[in-house]
């Protein structure tokens, strides 16, 4: 069985994402405990909790990437969709009475998470950190004005056009 504990080797160095990854690893640990116990209802609860944590986390990452105009969003989202589909398939197997589905879910998702956080999420984290360094902290609000009708300023208070800037934004 693979290591179910989050470690610094899984860090993407973007605090809110790292915190969510820690929660997912904890949920995986909870599922592993439930699998080794005698109660099927505990396994179902643990799978539901894990699936909800994963879905919420993926949605949050994708919102961050969209807001930052991350150029690899489509690629990253496809990875999320593939993993989400596998999680759902394992949950269906469990609902159909296949007891091995939960243990296989733990094994699959542990390996997937370690690989995904160390490559795709680190790439995203680096992009988000660099974005924050370049333009400072932004507050994104839903509005009715188009982006070109807004006066944009950089961290020095100087006017800028975020779509025309070539400084790594």
Foldseek 3Di string as FASTA:
>chain_A
DDDLADDPLLDLPPVVLSVLLRVLSVLLVQLVVVLPDDDLVSNLVSLVVNLVSLVVSLVVLLVLCVVLVPVCSVVLNVLSVVLNVLSVVLSVCVVVPNSCSSVVNSVVVSVSSSVCSNPVVSVSSVLSVVSCVWANDDDDDDDDDDLVVDFGAGPVRHTDRVVPDPPSD
